[in-house]
Amino acid sequence: MAASAVQAVLLVVISWQVAVDGPLLGVDRWVRHAVHAARHWLSSPLLNHLGAALSDLGGSVPALPVLLGGGALAAWRARGAGFRRWWLPVPVAMVTAGLIPLLVVPAKAWFARPGPFGLPLGPDQWGWYPSGHTATATIAYGAAALLLGRTAGERARRLLYGGAALLAFGVGLGLVWSDYHWLLDVLASWCVGGLLLTALSRLPARVLPHRL
């Protein structure tokens, strides 16, 4: 509960500052300058390629197929375990996948925040806030881990949750390192994803199979 409250407050504060072009956006500029200095100092093509590769993990492909595949695998495992509503992870995964653009796209259009390069938005652009790749990675990988975790033992569950968290963190880090997004864009999407995953994790056992 406390973590969700912190995420909600942080999301509101960041959104407010983006909307009014407030002083908190100075954090974005400072971080971008620090990242540029680090990239120049390290001068590592390998790190730059790694940053871009991590960013790509937040795309609809591969994130959404992982989510839908995780739902299907969770249903298959639940059926094998004899759960009555073994099939429910599949529609839950599909609904979760559909929620991602519904949460992100209207916000992008509303805030219409320019990207790190400061170029004006084109007529076919929605804006950079919040980060769609970060939200997609956080929600898709996190939801897949939650659905599978409900049919797994404690050790496997921890590995799934930890792996999903690392993927979400890596995508956000890659986006900032590659200068694709401001840091606050990424932080806001982590908050959005965290709040949605918390709600999903609280679905009762009668709605989703749950191995205790």
N, C-alpha and C. Protein backbone atom coordinates (compact mmCIF):
# COMPACT_ATOMS: atom_id res chain seq x y z
N MET A 1 0.82 -1.20 0.00
CA MET A 1 0.00 0.00 0.00
C MET A 1 0.87 1.26 0.00
N ALA A 2 1.92 1.25 0.84
CA ALA A 2 2.80 2.42 0.93
C ALA A 2 3.51 2.66 -0.40
N ALA A 3 3.97 1.56 -1.03
CA ALA A 3 4.66 1.71 -2.31
C ALA A 3 3.73 2.28 -3.37
N SER A 4 2.48 1.82 -3.39
CA SER A 4 1.53 2.34 -4.36
C SER A 4 1.24 3.82 -4.13
N ALA A 5 1.16 4.22 -2.86
CA ALA A 5 0.91 5.62 -2.54
C ALA A 5 2.08 6.49 -3.01
N VAL A 6 3.29 6.01 -2.79
CA VAL A 6 4.47 6.76 -3.24
C VAL A 6 4.47 6.89 -4.76
N GLN A 7 4.16 5.79 -5.46
CA GLN A 7 4.12 5.82 -6.92
C GLN A 7 3.06 6.78 -7.43
N ALA A 8 1.90 6.76 -6.79
CA ALA A 8 0.81 7.64 -7.22
C ALA A 8 1.19 9.11 -7.03
N VAL A 9 1.77 9.43 -5.86
CA VAL A 9 2.17 10.81 -5.59
C VAL A 9 3.26 11.24 -6.56
N LEU A 10 4.24 10.37 -6.77
CA LEU A 10 5.32 10.71 -7.69
C LEU A 10 4.80 10.95 -9.10
N LEU A 11 3.86 10.12 -9.54
CA LEU A 11 3.27 10.27 -10.87
C LEU A 11 2.55 11.60 -11.00
N VAL A 12 1.78 11.97 -9.97
CA VAL A 12 1.05 13.23 -10.00
C VAL A 12 2.01 14.42 -10.03
N VAL A 13 3.05 14.36 -9.20
CA VAL A 13 4.01 15.47 -9.14
C VAL A 13 4.74 15.63 -10.47
N ILE A 14 5.22 14.53 -11.02
CA ILE A 14 5.94 14.60 -12.29
C ILE A 14 5.03 15.12 -13.40
N SER A 15 3.80 14.61 -13.46
CA SER A 15 2.87 15.04 -14.50
C SER A 15 2.56 16.53 -14.37
N TRP A 16 2.39 16.98 -13.15
CA TRP A 16 2.14 18.41 -12.91
C TRP A 16 3.32 19.25 -13.39
N GLN A 17 4.53 18.82 -13.09
CA GLN A 17 5.71 19.58 -13.50
C GLN A 17 5.89 19.58 -15.01
N VAL A 18 5.58 18.47 -15.64
CA VAL A 18 5.66 18.42 -17.11
C VAL A 18 4.62 19.35 -17.72
N ALA A 19 3.43 19.36 -17.14
CA ALA A 19 2.33 20.17 -17.68
C ALA A 19 2.64 21.66 -17.59
N VAL A 20 3.30 22.09 -16.50
CA VAL A 20 3.54 23.52 -16.30
C VAL A 20 4.99 23.90 -16.61
N ASP A 21 5.77 22.96 -17.13
CA ASP A 21 7.18 23.21 -17.42
C ASP A 21 7.89 23.71 -16.16
N GLY A 22 7.68 22.97 -15.06
CA GLY A 22 8.17 23.38 -13.75
C GLY A 22 9.65 23.15 -13.54
N PRO A 23 10.16 23.58 -12.39
CA PRO A 23 11.59 23.47 -12.10
C PRO A 23 12.11 22.05 -11.97
N LEU A 24 11.21 21.10 -11.68
CA LEU A 24 11.65 19.71 -11.56
C LEU A 24 12.23 19.19 -12.87
N LEU A 25 11.84 19.80 -13.98
CA LEU A 25 12.38 19.37 -15.27
C LEU A 25 13.87 19.64 -15.39
N GLY A 26 14.39 20.46 -14.49
CA GLY A 26 15.83 20.67 -14.45
C GLY A 26 16.59 19.38 -14.16
N VAL A 27 15.94 18.45 -13.45
CA VAL A 27 16.56 17.15 -13.21
C VAL A 27 16.81 16.43 -14.52
N ASP A 28 15.84 16.53 -15.43
CA ASP A 28 16.02 15.91 -16.75
C ASP A 28 17.23 16.46 -17.47
N ARG A 29 17.36 17.77 -17.46
CA ARG A 29 18.47 18.39 -18.17
C ARG A 29 19.81 18.03 -17.52
N TRP A 30 19.83 18.00 -16.19
CA TRP A 30 21.08 17.65 -15.49
C TRP A 30 21.48 16.21 -15.79
N VAL A 31 20.50 15.29 -15.76
CA VAL A 31 20.79 13.88 -16.03
C VAL A 31 21.25 13.70 -17.47
N ARG A 32 20.60 14.39 -18.39
CA ARG A 32 21.00 14.26 -19.79
C ARG A 32 22.44 14.76 -19.99
N HIS A 33 22.79 15.86 -19.35
CA HIS A 33 24.15 16.36 -19.45
C HIS A 33 25.14 15.36 -18.86
N ALA A 34 24.79 14.76 -17.72
CA ALA A 34 25.68 13.79 -17.08
C ALA A 34 25.84 12.54 -17.94
N VAL A 35 24.76 12.09 -18.56
CA VAL A 35 24.84 10.92 -19.43
C VAL A 35 25.69 11.21 -20.66
N HIS A 36 25.54 12.39 -21.23
CA HIS A 36 26.36 12.76 -22.38
C HIS A 36 27.84 12.77 -22.01
N ALA A 37 28.14 13.31 -20.83
CA ALA A 37 29.53 13.35 -20.38
C ALA A 37 30.07 11.94 -20.17
N ALA A 38 29.24 11.06 -19.61
CA ALA A 38 29.67 9.69 -19.38
C ALA A 38 29.89 8.95 -20.70
N ARG A 39 29.01 9.17 -21.66
CA ARG A 39 29.18 8.53 -22.97
C ARG A 39 30.44 9.02 -23.66
N HIS A 40 30.71 10.31 -23.54
CA HIS A 40 31.93 10.86 -24.16
C HIS A 40 33.18 10.32 -23.47
N TRP A 41 33.13 10.23 -22.14
CA TRP A 41 34.30 9.77 -21.39
C TRP A 41 34.58 8.30 -21.64
N LEU A 42 33.52 7.48 -21.67
CA LEU A 42 33.69 6.05 -21.88
C LEU A 42 33.97 5.71 -23.34
N SER A 43 33.31 6.45 -24.24
CA SER A 43 33.48 6.26 -25.68
C SER A 43 33.43 4.77 -26.04
N SER A 44 32.34 4.12 -25.63
CA SER A 44 32.22 2.68 -25.81
C SER A 44 31.08 2.35 -26.77
N PRO A 45 31.40 1.93 -28.00
CA PRO A 45 30.34 1.51 -28.93
C PRO A 45 29.53 0.34 -28.37
N LEU A 46 30.19 -0.52 -27.59
CA LEU A 46 29.49 -1.67 -27.02
C LEU A 46 28.37 -1.21 -26.08
N LEU A 47 28.66 -0.25 -25.20
CA LEU A 47 27.64 0.26 -24.30
C LEU A 47 26.52 0.96 -25.05
N ASN A 48 26.89 1.67 -26.11
CA ASN A 48 25.87 2.36 -26.90
C ASN A 48 24.95 1.37 -27.61
N HIS A 49 25.54 0.30 -28.14
CA HIS A 49 24.71 -0.74 -28.78
C HIS A 49 23.85 -1.46 -27.73
N LEU A 50 24.41 -1.67 -26.54
CA LEU A 50 23.65 -2.31 -25.48
C LEU A 50 22.47 -1.44 -25.06
N GLY A 51 22.70 -0.14 -24.96
CA GLY A 51 21.62 0.77 -24.61
C GLY A 51 20.49 0.73 -25.63
N ALA A 52 20.85 0.72 -26.91
CA ALA A 52 19.83 0.66 -27.95
C ALA A 52 19.09 -0.68 -27.92
N ALA A 53 19.84 -1.77 -27.67
CA ALA A 53 19.21 -3.09 -27.62
C ALA A 53 18.24 -3.18 -26.45
N LEU A 54 18.63 -2.64 -25.31
CA LEU A 54 17.73 -2.65 -24.15
C LEU A 54 16.47 -1.82 -24.44
N SER A 55 16.65 -0.70 -25.11
CA SER A 55 15.50 0.13 -25.47
C SER A 55 14.51 -0.64 -26.33
N ASP A 56 15.05 -1.41 -27.27
CA ASP A 56 14.19 -2.16 -28.18
C ASP A 56 13.35 -3.21 -27.47
N LEU A 57 13.79 -3.67 -26.30
CA LEU A 57 13.02 -4.66 -25.56
C LEU A 57 11.69 -4.09 -25.06
N GLY A 58 11.56 -2.76 -25.10
CA GLY A 58 10.31 -2.13 -24.70
C GLY A 58 9.34 -1.93 -25.85
N GLY A 59 9.68 -2.39 -27.03
CA GLY A 59 8.76 -2.28 -28.16
C GLY A 59 7.61 -3.28 -28.05
N SER A 60 6.58 -3.06 -28.85
CA SER A 60 5.44 -3.99 -28.85
C SER A 60 5.90 -5.41 -29.15
N VAL A 61 6.88 -5.51 -30.03
CA VAL A 61 7.58 -6.77 -30.25
C VAL A 61 9.00 -6.56 -29.74
N PRO A 62 9.41 -7.29 -28.70
CA PRO A 62 8.90 -8.59 -28.25
C PRO A 62 8.00 -8.56 -27.02
N ALA A 63 7.73 -7.39 -26.43
CA ALA A 63 7.07 -7.36 -25.12
C ALA A 63 5.67 -7.97 -25.12
N LEU A 64 4.83 -7.58 -26.09
CA LEU A 64 3.46 -8.08 -26.08
C LEU A 64 3.37 -9.58 -26.37
N PRO A 65 4.16 -10.13 -27.31
CA PRO A 65 4.15 -11.59 -27.45
C PRO A 65 4.58 -12.32 -26.18
N VAL A 66 5.52 -11.73 -25.43
CA VAL A 66 5.92 -12.35 -24.17
C VAL A 66 4.74 -12.35 -23.19
N LEU A 67 4.01 -11.24 -23.13
CA LEU A 67 2.85 -11.16 -22.24
C LEU A 67 1.80 -12.19 -22.63
N LEU A 68 1.43 -12.24 -23.90
CA LEU A 68 0.40 -13.19 -24.35
C LEU A 68 0.87 -14.63 -24.20
N GLY A 69 2.15 -14.85 -24.50
CA GLY A 69 2.69 -16.19 -24.32
C GLY A 69 2.73 -16.59 -22.85
N GLY A 70 3.04 -15.63 -21.99
CA GLY A 70 3.03 -15.91 -20.56
C GLY A 70 1.64 -16.26 -20.07
N GLY A 71 0.63 -15.55 -20.58
CA GLY A 71 -0.74 -15.87 -20.21
C GLY A 71 -1.14 -17.27 -20.67
N ALA A 72 -0.75 -17.63 -21.90
CA ALA A 72 -1.08 -18.95 -22.43
C ALA A 72 -0.38 -20.05 -21.62
N LEU A 73 0.89 -19.82 -21.29
CA LEU A 73 1.64 -20.81 -20.52
C LEU A 73 1.06 -20.95 -19.11
N ALA A 74 0.67 -19.82 -18.52
CA ALA A 74 0.06 -19.87 -17.19
C ALA A 74 -1.25 -20.66 -17.23
N ALA A 75 -2.04 -20.48 -18.28
CA ALA A 75 -3.29 -21.23 -18.41
C ALA A 75 -3.01 -22.73 -18.56
N TRP A 76 -2.01 -23.05 -19.36
CA TRP A 76 -1.66 -24.46 -19.57
C TRP A 76 -1.21 -25.11 -18.26
N ARG A 77 -0.40 -24.38 -17.49
CA ARG A 77 0.07 -24.91 -16.20
C ARG A 77 -1.09 -25.02 -15.21
N ALA A 78 -2.00 -24.05 -15.23
CA ALA A 78 -3.14 -24.09 -14.33
C ALA A 78 -4.07 -25.26 -14.66
N ARG A 79 -4.21 -25.52 -15.95
CA ARG A 79 -5.04 -26.66 -16.36
C ARG A 79 -4.43 -27.97 -15.87
N GLY A 80 -3.12 -28.07 -16.01
CA GLY A 80 -2.44 -29.27 -15.54
C GLY A 80 -2.54 -29.45 -14.04
N ALA A 81 -2.66 -28.35 -13.32
CA ALA A 81 -2.77 -28.41 -11.87
C ALA A 81 -4.21 -28.63 -11.41
N GLY A 82 -5.16 -28.63 -12.35
CA GLY A 82 -6.53 -28.93 -12.02
C GLY A 82 -7.38 -27.76 -11.58
N PHE A 83 -6.96 -26.53 -11.89
CA PHE A 83 -7.77 -25.36 -11.54
C PHE A 83 -9.02 -25.31 -12.40
N ARG A 84 -10.14 -24.92 -11.79
CA ARG A 84 -11.40 -24.86 -12.53
C ARG A 84 -11.37 -23.75 -13.59
N ARG A 85 -10.88 -22.59 -13.22
CA ARG A 85 -10.83 -21.46 -14.17
C ARG A 85 -9.42 -21.33 -14.77
N TRP A 86 -8.89 -22.42 -15.24
CA TRP A 86 -7.52 -22.46 -15.73
C TRP A 86 -7.29 -21.53 -16.92
N TRP A 87 -8.34 -21.22 -17.68
CA TRP A 87 -8.22 -20.46 -18.92
C TRP A 87 -8.14 -18.95 -18.70
N LEU A 88 -8.44 -18.47 -17.49
CA LEU A 88 -8.54 -17.04 -17.25
C LEU A 88 -7.25 -16.24 -17.47
N PRO A 89 -6.06 -16.80 -17.27
CA PRO A 89 -4.86 -16.00 -17.56
C PRO A 89 -4.79 -15.47 -19.00
N VAL A 90 -5.41 -16.19 -19.94
CA VAL A 90 -5.36 -15.74 -21.34
C VAL A 90 -6.12 -14.43 -21.55
N PRO A 91 -7.40 -14.32 -21.17
CA PRO A 91 -8.08 -13.03 -21.33
C PRO A 91 -7.48 -11.93 -20.46
N VAL A 92 -6.98 -12.29 -19.28
CA VAL A 92 -6.33 -11.26 -18.46
C VAL A 92 -5.12 -10.69 -19.18
N ALA A 93 -4.32 -11.56 -19.80
CA ALA A 93 -3.16 -11.09 -20.56
C ALA A 93 -3.59 -10.22 -21.73
N MET A 94 -4.66 -10.60 -22.41
CA MET A 94 -5.13 -9.82 -23.56
C MET A 94 -5.65 -8.45 -23.14
N VAL A 95 -6.40 -8.41 -22.04
CA VAL A 95 -6.91 -7.13 -21.54
C VAL A 95 -5.76 -6.24 -21.10
N THR A 96 -4.79 -6.82 -20.42
CA THR A 96 -3.63 -6.05 -19.97
C THR A 96 -2.87 -5.47 -21.16
N ALA A 97 -2.70 -6.27 -22.20
CA ALA A 97 -2.02 -5.77 -23.40
C ALA A 97 -2.79 -4.60 -24.01
N GLY A 98 -4.12 -4.69 -24.00
CA GLY A 98 -4.92 -3.61 -24.56
C GLY A 98 -4.91 -2.36 -23.72
N LEU A 99 -4.66 -2.50 -22.42
CA LEU A 99 -4.63 -1.33 -21.54
C LEU A 99 -3.41 -0.45 -21.77
N ILE A 100 -2.33 -1.04 -22.25
CA ILE A 100 -1.08 -0.27 -22.38
C ILE A 100 -1.26 0.95 -23.27
N PRO A 101 -1.74 0.81 -24.52
CA PRO A 101 -1.93 2.03 -25.33
C PRO A 101 -3.00 2.95 -24.77
N LEU A 102 -4.01 2.39 -24.10
CA LEU A 102 -5.05 3.24 -23.53
C LEU A 102 -4.53 4.11 -22.40
N LEU A 103 -3.52 3.64 -21.70
CA LEU A 103 -2.92 4.41 -20.62
C LEU A 103 -1.89 5.42 -21.12
N VAL A 104 -1.19 5.05 -22.18
CA VAL A 104 -0.03 5.84 -22.61
C VAL A 104 -0.37 6.86 -23.70
N VAL A 105 -1.07 6.42 -24.74
CA VAL A 105 -1.28 7.28 -25.90
C VAL A 105 -2.05 8.57 -25.57
N PRO A 106 -3.18 8.51 -24.84
CA PRO A 106 -3.86 9.77 -24.50
C PRO A 106 -2.99 10.72 -23.69
N ALA A 107 -2.16 10.17 -22.78
CA ALA A 107 -1.28 11.02 -21.99
C ALA A 107 -0.22 11.68 -22.87
N LYS A 108 0.32 10.94 -23.81
CA LYS A 108 1.29 11.51 -24.73
C LYS A 108 0.68 12.67 -25.52
N ALA A 109 -0.53 12.44 -26.02
CA ALA A 109 -1.19 13.48 -26.81
C ALA A 109 -1.54 14.70 -25.95
N TRP A 110 -1.93 14.45 -24.70
CA TRP A 110 -2.33 15.54 -23.81
C TRP A 110 -1.13 16.41 -23.43
N PHE A 111 -0.04 15.79 -22.97
CA PHE A 111 1.12 16.55 -22.52
C PHE A 111 1.96 17.08 -23.68
N ALA A 112 1.99 16.34 -24.79
CA ALA A 112 2.71 16.77 -26.00
C ALA A 112 4.10 17.29 -25.67
N ARG A 113 4.83 16.53 -24.89
CA ARG A 113 6.16 16.96 -24.47
C ARG A 113 7.19 16.65 -25.56
N PRO A 114 8.01 17.63 -25.94
CA PRO A 114 9.08 17.35 -26.90
C PRO A 114 10.12 16.41 -26.30
N GLY A 115 10.84 15.73 -27.18
CA GLY A 115 11.87 14.81 -26.73
C GLY A 115 13.15 15.53 -26.33
N PRO A 116 14.18 14.77 -25.96
CA PRO A 116 15.42 15.37 -25.49
C PRO A 116 16.09 16.31 -26.48
N PHE A 117 15.86 16.11 -27.77
CA PHE A 117 16.50 16.98 -28.75
C PHE A 117 15.79 18.32 -28.91
N GLY A 118 14.61 18.45 -28.30
CA GLY A 118 13.92 19.74 -28.28
C GLY A 118 13.24 20.12 -29.56
N LEU A 119 13.13 19.22 -30.51
CA LEU A 119 12.48 19.54 -31.78
C LEU A 119 10.96 19.60 -31.58
N PRO A 120 10.29 20.50 -32.28
CA PRO A 120 8.82 20.57 -32.15
C PRO A 120 8.17 19.29 -32.65
N LEU A 121 7.04 18.96 -32.06
CA LEU A 121 6.35 17.74 -32.46
C LEU A 121 5.74 17.90 -33.85
N GLY A 122 5.85 16.84 -34.64
CA GLY A 122 5.21 16.83 -35.94
C GLY A 122 3.74 16.48 -35.81
N PRO A 123 2.98 16.65 -36.87
CA PRO A 123 1.54 16.36 -36.81
C PRO A 123 1.23 14.90 -36.54
N ASP A 124 2.19 14.01 -36.81
CA ASP A 124 1.97 12.58 -36.60
C ASP A 124 2.61 12.08 -35.30
N GLN A 125 3.06 12.99 -34.44
CA GLN A 125 3.72 12.60 -33.20
C GLN A 125 2.83 12.90 -32.00
N TRP A 126 2.89 12.01 -31.00
CA TRP A 126 2.07 12.18 -29.81
C TRP A 126 2.80 12.91 -28.69
N GLY A 127 4.09 12.85 -28.67
CA GLY A 127 4.86 13.40 -27.56
C GLY A 127 5.62 12.31 -26.83
N TRP A 128 6.49 12.74 -25.93
CA TRP A 128 7.41 11.81 -25.29
C TRP A 128 6.99 11.41 -23.87
N TYR A 129 6.03 12.08 -23.30
CA TYR A 129 5.67 11.80 -21.91
C TYR A 129 4.28 11.17 -21.82
N PRO A 130 4.18 10.03 -21.13
CA PRO A 130 5.25 9.23 -20.54
C PRO A 130 5.89 8.32 -21.59
N SER A 131 6.91 7.59 -21.18
CA SER A 131 7.63 6.72 -22.11
C SER A 131 6.80 5.48 -22.43
N GLY A 132 6.45 5.33 -23.70
CA GLY A 132 5.67 4.16 -24.11
C GLY A 132 6.46 2.87 -24.01
N HIS A 133 7.75 2.91 -24.38
CA HIS A 133 8.57 1.70 -24.30
C HIS A 133 8.74 1.24 -22.85
N THR A 134 8.93 2.21 -21.94
CA THR A 134 9.08 1.83 -20.54
C THR A 134 7.80 1.25 -19.98
N ALA A 135 6.67 1.87 -20.29
CA ALA A 135 5.39 1.36 -19.82
C ALA A 135 5.11 -0.03 -20.39
N THR A 136 5.40 -0.20 -21.67
CA THR A 136 5.17 -1.50 -22.31
C THR A 136 6.00 -2.58 -21.65
N ALA A 137 7.29 -2.29 -21.43
CA ALA A 137 8.17 -3.28 -20.81
C ALA A 137 7.74 -3.59 -19.39
N THR A 138 7.46 -2.54 -18.61
CA THR A 138 7.10 -2.74 -17.21
C THR A 138 5.82 -3.56 -17.08
N ILE A 139 4.81 -3.20 -17.85
CA ILE A 139 3.52 -3.87 -17.73
C ILE A 139 3.54 -5.26 -18.37
N ALA A 140 4.10 -5.36 -19.56
CA ALA A 140 4.06 -6.65 -20.28
C ALA A 140 4.90 -7.71 -19.57
N TYR A 141 6.15 -7.38 -19.28
CA TYR A 141 7.00 -8.38 -18.62
C TYR A 141 6.54 -8.62 -17.19
N GLY A 142 6.11 -7.55 -16.52
CA GLY A 142 5.63 -7.72 -15.15
C GLY A 142 4.37 -8.56 -15.07
N ALA A 143 3.42 -8.31 -15.97
CA ALA A 143 2.17 -9.08 -15.96
C ALA A 143 2.43 -10.54 -16.32
N ALA A 144 3.31 -10.77 -17.29
CA ALA A 144 3.65 -12.15 -17.64
C ALA A 144 4.25 -12.87 -16.44
N ALA A 145 5.12 -12.19 -15.71
CA ALA A 145 5.73 -12.79 -14.52
C ALA A 145 4.68 -13.06 -13.45
N LEU A 146 3.74 -12.12 -13.27
CA LEU A 146 2.70 -12.32 -12.26
C LEU A 146 1.79 -13.50 -12.60
N LEU A 147 1.41 -13.60 -13.86
CA LEU A 147 0.53 -14.69 -14.26
C LEU A 147 1.22 -16.04 -14.11
N LEU A 148 2.46 -16.11 -14.55
CA LEU A 148 3.20 -17.36 -14.41
C LEU A 148 3.53 -17.64 -12.95
N GLY A 149 3.82 -16.57 -12.21
CA GLY A 149 4.17 -16.74 -10.81
C GLY A 149 3.06 -17.35 -9.99
N ARG A 150 1.82 -17.12 -10.40
CA ARG A 150 0.68 -17.69 -9.68
C ARG A 150 0.59 -19.21 -9.83
N THR A 151 1.28 -19.75 -10.81
CA THR A 151 1.26 -21.20 -11.01
C THR A 151 2.59 -21.84 -10.65
N ALA A 152 3.51 -21.06 -10.08
CA ALA A 152 4.86 -21.54 -9.78
C ALA A 152 5.10 -21.57 -8.29
N GLY A 153 6.19 -22.23 -7.90
CA GLY A 153 6.60 -22.26 -6.52
C GLY A 153 7.26 -20.94 -6.12
N GLU A 154 7.58 -20.83 -4.84
CA GLU A 154 8.10 -19.58 -4.30
C GLU A 154 9.42 -19.17 -4.96
N ARG A 155 10.34 -20.11 -5.14
CA ARG A 155 11.63 -19.78 -5.73
C ARG A 155 11.49 -19.32 -7.17
N ALA A 156 10.71 -20.05 -7.96
CA ALA A 156 10.50 -19.67 -9.35
C ALA A 156 9.79 -18.33 -9.44
N ARG A 157 8.85 -18.08 -8.51
CA ARG A 157 8.13 -16.82 -8.50
C ARG A 157 9.07 -15.64 -8.28
N ARG A 158 9.99 -15.81 -7.36
CA ARG A 158 10.95 -14.73 -7.09
C ARG A 158 11.84 -14.47 -8.30
N LEU A 159 12.25 -15.54 -8.97
CA LEU A 159 13.09 -15.39 -10.16
C LEU A 159 12.32 -14.66 -11.27
N LEU A 160 11.06 -15.02 -11.44
CA LEU A 160 10.23 -14.36 -12.46
C LEU A 160 10.06 -12.88 -12.16
N TYR A 161 9.74 -12.56 -10.92
CA TYR A 161 9.52 -11.17 -10.55
C TYR A 161 10.81 -10.37 -10.66
N GLY A 162 11.91 -10.97 -10.21
CA GLY A 162 13.19 -10.27 -10.32
C GLY A 162 13.61 -10.05 -11.76
N GLY A 163 13.39 -11.05 -12.61
CA GLY A 163 13.73 -10.90 -14.02
C GLY A 163 12.91 -9.82 -14.71
N ALA A 164 11.61 -9.77 -14.39
CA ALA A 164 10.74 -8.74 -14.97
C ALA A 164 11.17 -7.35 -14.53
N ALA A 165 11.53 -7.22 -13.24
CA ALA A 165 11.98 -5.93 -12.74
C ALA A 165 13.27 -5.48 -13.41
N LEU A 166 14.19 -6.42 -13.60
CA LEU A 166 15.45 -6.09 -14.27
C LEU A 166 15.22 -5.66 -15.71
N LEU A 167 14.31 -6.33 -16.40
CA LEU A 167 13.99 -5.96 -17.78
C LEU A 167 13.40 -4.55 -17.85
N ALA A 168 12.47 -4.26 -16.95
CA ALA A 168 11.87 -2.93 -16.94
C ALA A 168 12.91 -1.86 -16.64
N PHE A 169 13.78 -2.14 -15.67
CA PHE A 169 14.85 -1.20 -15.34
C PHE A 169 15.81 -1.03 -16.50
N GLY A 170 16.16 -2.14 -17.14
CA GLY A 170 17.11 -2.08 -18.26
C GLY A 170 16.57 -1.28 -19.44
N VAL A 171 15.29 -1.45 -19.73
CA VAL A 171 14.69 -0.69 -20.84
C VAL A 171 14.73 0.80 -20.54
N GLY A 172 14.33 1.20 -19.33
CA GLY A 172 14.37 2.61 -18.96
C GLY A 172 15.78 3.17 -19.00
N LEU A 173 16.73 2.41 -18.47
CA LEU A 173 18.12 2.85 -18.48
C LEU A 173 18.63 3.00 -19.91
N GLY A 174 18.27 2.03 -20.77
CA GLY A 174 18.70 2.11 -22.16
C GLY A 174 18.13 3.31 -22.89
N LEU A 175 16.90 3.66 -22.59
CA LEU A 175 16.27 4.81 -23.23
C LEU A 175 16.95 6.12 -22.84
N VAL A 176 17.30 6.24 -21.56
CA VAL A 176 17.97 7.45 -21.11
C VAL A 176 19.41 7.49 -21.64
N TRP A 177 20.09 6.36 -21.60
CA TRP A 177 21.46 6.30 -22.09
C TRP A 177 21.53 6.64 -23.58
N SER A 178 20.56 6.15 -24.33
CA SER A 178 20.54 6.36 -25.78
C SER A 178 19.97 7.72 -26.18
N ASP A 179 19.55 8.52 -25.20
CA ASP A 179 18.98 9.85 -25.45
C ASP A 179 17.66 9.77 -26.19
N TYR A 180 16.93 8.69 -25.98
CA TYR A 180 15.62 8.55 -26.59
C TYR A 180 14.52 9.19 -25.74
N HIS A 181 14.78 9.29 -24.41
CA HIS A 181 13.76 9.81 -23.49
C HIS A 181 14.41 10.58 -22.36
N TRP A 182 13.63 11.52 -21.81
CA TRP A 182 14.01 12.16 -20.57
C TRP A 182 13.84 11.16 -19.42
N LEU A 183 14.59 11.38 -18.34
CA LEU A 183 14.49 10.50 -17.18
C LEU A 183 13.08 10.53 -16.59
N LEU A 184 12.45 11.70 -16.49
CA LEU A 184 11.12 11.77 -15.89
C LEU A 184 10.07 11.04 -16.72
N ASP A 185 10.26 10.97 -18.03
CA ASP A 185 9.37 10.17 -18.87
C ASP A 185 9.39 8.72 -18.41
N VAL A 186 10.61 8.25 -18.14
CA VAL A 186 10.81 6.86 -17.73
C VAL A 186 10.26 6.63 -16.32
N LEU A 187 10.56 7.54 -15.40
CA LEU A 187 10.07 7.39 -14.03
C LEU A 187 8.55 7.33 -13.98
N ALA A 188 7.90 8.20 -14.75
CA ALA A 188 6.44 8.21 -14.76
C ALA A 188 5.88 6.87 -15.25
N SER A 189 6.50 6.31 -16.26
CA SER A 189 6.00 5.04 -16.79
C SER A 189 6.26 3.89 -15.82
N TRP A 190 7.37 3.95 -15.09
CA TRP A 190 7.57 2.94 -14.04
C TRP A 190 6.45 3.02 -13.01
N CYS A 191 6.04 4.25 -12.67
CA CYS A 191 4.95 4.42 -11.71
C CYS A 191 3.64 3.88 -12.26
N VAL A 192 3.33 4.21 -13.51
CA VAL A 192 2.10 3.70 -14.13
C VAL A 192 2.10 2.17 -14.14
N GLY A 193 3.21 1.60 -14.57
CA GLY A 193 3.31 0.15 -14.61
C GLY A 193 3.21 -0.47 -13.23
N GLY A 194 3.88 0.14 -12.25
CA GLY A 194 3.83 -0.39 -10.90
C GLY A 194 2.43 -0.39 -10.32
N LEU A 195 1.68 0.68 -10.57
CA LEU A 195 0.32 0.76 -10.06
C LEU A 195 -0.59 -0.29 -10.70
N LEU A 196 -0.44 -0.48 -12.01
CA LEU A 196 -1.26 -1.47 -12.69
C LEU A 196 -0.91 -2.89 -12.24
N LEU A 197 0.38 -3.16 -12.08
CA LEU A 197 0.79 -4.49 -11.65
C LEU A 197 0.35 -4.78 -10.22
N THR A 198 0.35 -3.75 -9.38
CA THR A 198 -0.14 -3.94 -8.01
C THR A 198 -1.61 -4.34 -8.02
N ALA A 199 -2.40 -3.66 -8.88
CA ALA A 199 -3.81 -4.01 -8.99
C ALA A 199 -3.98 -5.44 -9.51
N LEU A 200 -3.17 -5.82 -10.49
CA LEU A 200 -3.25 -7.17 -11.04
C LEU A 200 -2.86 -8.22 -10.00
N SER A 201 -1.86 -7.92 -9.19
CA SER A 201 -1.41 -8.88 -8.19
C SER A 201 -2.45 -9.14 -7.11
N ARG A 202 -3.40 -8.23 -6.96
CA ARG A 202 -4.41 -8.36 -5.92
C ARG A 202 -5.68 -9.06 -6.40
N LEU A 203 -5.68 -9.50 -7.65
CA LEU A 203 -6.83 -10.27 -8.11
C LEU A 203 -6.96 -11.54 -7.28
N PRO A 204 -8.13 -11.85 -6.78
CA PRO A 204 -8.29 -13.01 -5.89
C PRO A 204 -8.12 -14.32 -6.63
N ALA A 205 -7.92 -15.38 -5.85
CA ALA A 205 -7.69 -16.70 -6.42
C ALA A 205 -8.88 -17.20 -7.22
N ARG A 206 -10.08 -16.74 -6.90
CA ARG A 206 -11.26 -17.19 -7.66
C ARG A 206 -11.30 -16.58 -9.06
N VAL A 207 -10.53 -15.49 -9.27
CA VAL A 207 -10.45 -14.88 -10.59
C VAL A 207 -9.28 -15.44 -11.37
N LEU A 208 -8.13 -15.60 -10.70
CA LEU A 208 -6.96 -16.17 -11.34
C LEU A 208 -6.44 -17.33 -10.52
N PRO A 209 -5.98 -18.39 -11.18
CA PRO A 209 -5.38 -19.49 -10.44
C PRO A 209 -4.22 -18.99 -9.58
N HIS A 210 -4.09 -19.53 -8.39
CA HIS A 210 -3.05 -19.07 -7.48
C HIS A 210 -2.54 -20.27 -6.68
N ARG A 211 -1.31 -20.62 -6.94
CA ARG A 211 -0.68 -21.69 -6.17
C ARG A 211 0.00 -21.06 -4.95
N LEU A 212 -0.43 -21.45 -3.78
CA LEU A 212 0.10 -20.89 -2.54
C LEU A 212 1.38 -21.62 -2.13
